[in-house]
Amino acid sequence: MADASTAAVAAAAVVGMTTASLIPGVDANAVIGAFAGALFFMVFAKDLSAWARVGYFVASWIVGYYVSSEAIGQNWAKTPGLVAFFGALFTVVVCVSLLEWIQGGKMPGWLRYLVGVVRAAFGASGGRNG
């Protein structure tokens, strides 16, 4: 059973999506995609407080919409829905892990992997040549 914060956010989101679709120039596909990505994170983030989940939901929804707008503007994608979904989902995941890194001092696993890939690509083996 969903807790009260999830139900309240879902109800507010339905009203928000309906209102946004009535505004000229707002892409309804991007709004729905960003909503889905933000809701996906919110439902699975059980270790956060209710207010933190609501805040991350709102931030994720907004950033997901803007990510899709930028991707469409740069001609990286044809439709905004899926781009908005992944933009909303990964924005919050990345931001939460970076905030935990700042607070706890341990680099996130995905960032350690990227650093390893970059070092391997540029031939940095840990020592200096020469």
Protein backbone atom coordinates (compact mmCIF):
# COMPACT_ATOMS: atom_id res chain seq x y z
CA MET A 1 0.00 0.00 0.00
CA ALA A 2 1.32 3.41 -0.93
CA ASP A 3 2.08 5.85 1.84
CA ALA A 4 0.36 9.22 2.07
CA SER A 5 3.19 11.22 0.49
CA THR A 6 3.25 9.04 -2.61
CA ALA A 7 -0.52 9.29 -3.00
CA ALA A 8 -0.46 13.07 -2.49
CA VAL A 9 2.30 13.52 -5.04
CA ALA A 10 0.53 11.28 -7.52
CA ALA A 11 -2.69 13.27 -7.16
CA ALA A 12 -0.84 16.57 -7.52
CA ALA A 13 1.03 15.19 -10.52
CA VAL A 14 -2.16 14.25 -12.32
CA VAL A 15 -3.46 17.77 -11.81
CA GLY A 16 -0.08 19.18 -12.90
CA MET A 17 0.09 17.05 -16.04
CA THR A 18 -3.46 17.99 -16.98
CA THR A 19 -2.75 21.67 -16.44
CA ALA A 20 0.55 21.51 -18.33
CA SER A 21 -1.10 19.88 -21.33
CA LEU A 22 -3.47 22.84 -21.60
CA ILE A 23 -0.64 25.39 -21.83
CA PRO A 24 0.40 26.11 -25.43
CA GLY A 25 4.01 25.23 -26.18
CA VAL A 26 4.36 22.63 -23.43
CA ASP A 27 5.20 19.19 -24.77
CA ALA A 28 2.83 16.72 -23.11
CA ASN A 29 5.03 13.74 -24.04
CA ALA A 30 7.99 15.28 -22.22
CA VAL A 31 5.83 16.11 -19.19
CA ILE A 32 4.54 12.54 -18.98
CA GLY A 33 7.99 11.01 -19.56
CA ALA A 34 9.60 13.18 -16.90
CA PHE A 35 6.76 12.37 -14.51
CA ALA A 36 7.28 8.64 -15.05
CA GLY A 37 11.04 8.88 -14.45
CA ALA A 38 10.57 10.97 -11.32
CA LEU A 39 7.87 8.66 -9.99
CA PHE A 40 10.01 5.59 -10.71
CA PHE A 41 12.77 6.97 -8.49
CA MET A 42 10.36 8.11 -5.79
CA VAL A 43 8.68 4.73 -5.48
CA PHE A 44 11.96 2.82 -5.16
CA ALA A 45 13.75 5.27 -2.83
CA LYS A 46 12.55 3.75 0.43
CA ASP A 47 15.49 4.93 2.54
CA LEU A 48 14.64 8.63 2.12
CA SER A 49 12.16 10.58 4.22
CA ALA A 50 8.80 11.53 2.73
CA TRP A 51 9.77 15.18 2.29
CA ALA A 52 13.06 14.26 0.67
CA ARG A 53 11.25 12.02 -1.81
CA VAL A 54 8.78 14.78 -2.63
CA GLY A 55 11.61 17.26 -3.16
CA TYR A 56 13.57 14.85 -5.34
CA PHE A 57 10.38 14.09 -7.27
CA VAL A 58 9.73 17.74 -8.10
CA ALA A 59 13.36 18.45 -9.00
CA SER A 60 13.58 15.31 -11.10
CA TRP A 61 10.38 16.11 -12.96
CA ILE A 62 11.54 19.63 -13.83
CA VAL A 63 15.06 18.61 -14.86
CA GLY A 64 13.75 15.66 -16.87
CA TYR A 65 11.55 17.99 -18.88
CA TYR A 66 14.46 20.32 -19.57
CA VAL A 67 16.77 17.45 -20.50
CA SER A 68 14.26 16.30 -23.11
CA SER A 69 13.87 19.84 -24.45
CA GLU A 70 17.62 20.13 -24.86
CA ALA A 71 17.90 16.71 -26.51
CA ILE A 72 15.17 17.57 -29.00
CA GLY A 73 16.68 21.00 -29.63
CA GLN A 74 20.07 19.44 -30.41
CA ASN A 75 18.43 16.79 -32.66
CA TRP A 76 19.74 13.95 -30.48
CA ALA A 77 16.29 12.33 -30.35
CA LYS A 78 13.08 12.37 -32.36
CA THR A 79 10.54 12.09 -29.52
CA PRO A 80 10.86 13.56 -26.03
CA GLY A 81 9.03 10.99 -23.88
CA LEU A 82 11.77 8.41 -23.36
CA VAL A 83 14.47 11.08 -23.13
CA ALA A 84 12.49 12.84 -20.40
CA PHE A 85 12.01 9.55 -18.53
CA PHE A 86 15.72 8.75 -18.43
CA GLY A 87 16.64 12.40 -17.86
CA ALA A 88 14.41 12.54 -14.79
CA LEU A 89 15.57 9.16 -13.51
CA PHE A 90 19.31 9.60 -13.94
CA THR A 91 19.38 13.22 -12.82
CA VAL A 92 18.18 12.35 -9.35
CA VAL A 93 20.26 9.18 -9.08
CA VAL A 94 23.42 11.07 -10.05
CA CYS A 95 22.65 14.04 -7.79
CA VAL A 96 21.83 11.86 -4.78
CA SER A 97 25.03 9.84 -5.17
CA LEU A 98 27.09 13.03 -5.52
CA LEU A 99 25.49 14.48 -2.39
CA GLU A 100 26.26 11.27 -0.50
CA TRP A 101 29.86 11.50 -1.76
CA ILE A 102 30.14 15.05 -0.42
CA GLN A 103 28.65 14.06 2.94
CA GLY A 104 30.33 10.68 3.39
CA GLY A 105 33.56 11.04 1.45
CA LYS A 106 33.20 7.80 -0.54
CA MET A 107 33.16 8.17 -4.30
CA PRO A 108 30.12 6.56 -5.98
CA GLY A 109 30.72 3.28 -7.80
CA TRP A 110 29.55 4.61 -11.16
CA LEU A 111 32.00 7.52 -10.93
CA ARG A 112 34.88 5.19 -9.98
CA TYR A 113 34.04 3.11 -13.03
CA LEU A 114 34.03 6.18 -15.31
CA VAL A 115 37.36 7.36 -13.93
CA GLY A 116 38.80 3.89 -14.59
CA VAL A 117 37.50 3.92 -18.17
CA VAL A 118 38.94 7.39 -18.82
CA ARG A 119 42.29 6.40 -17.34
CA ALA A 120 42.39 3.26 -19.46
CA ALA A 121 41.43 5.19 -22.59
CA PHE A 122 44.19 7.74 -22.13
CA GLY A 123 46.80 5.24 -20.99
CA ALA A 124 47.18 6.48 -17.44
CA SER A 125 48.46 3.46 -15.54
CA GLY A 126 48.98 5.22 -12.26
CA GLY A 127 52.65 6.03 -12.78
CA ARG A 128 54.51 8.62 -14.77
CA ASN A 129 56.32 7.78 -17.95
CA GLY A 130 59.63 9.28 -18.45
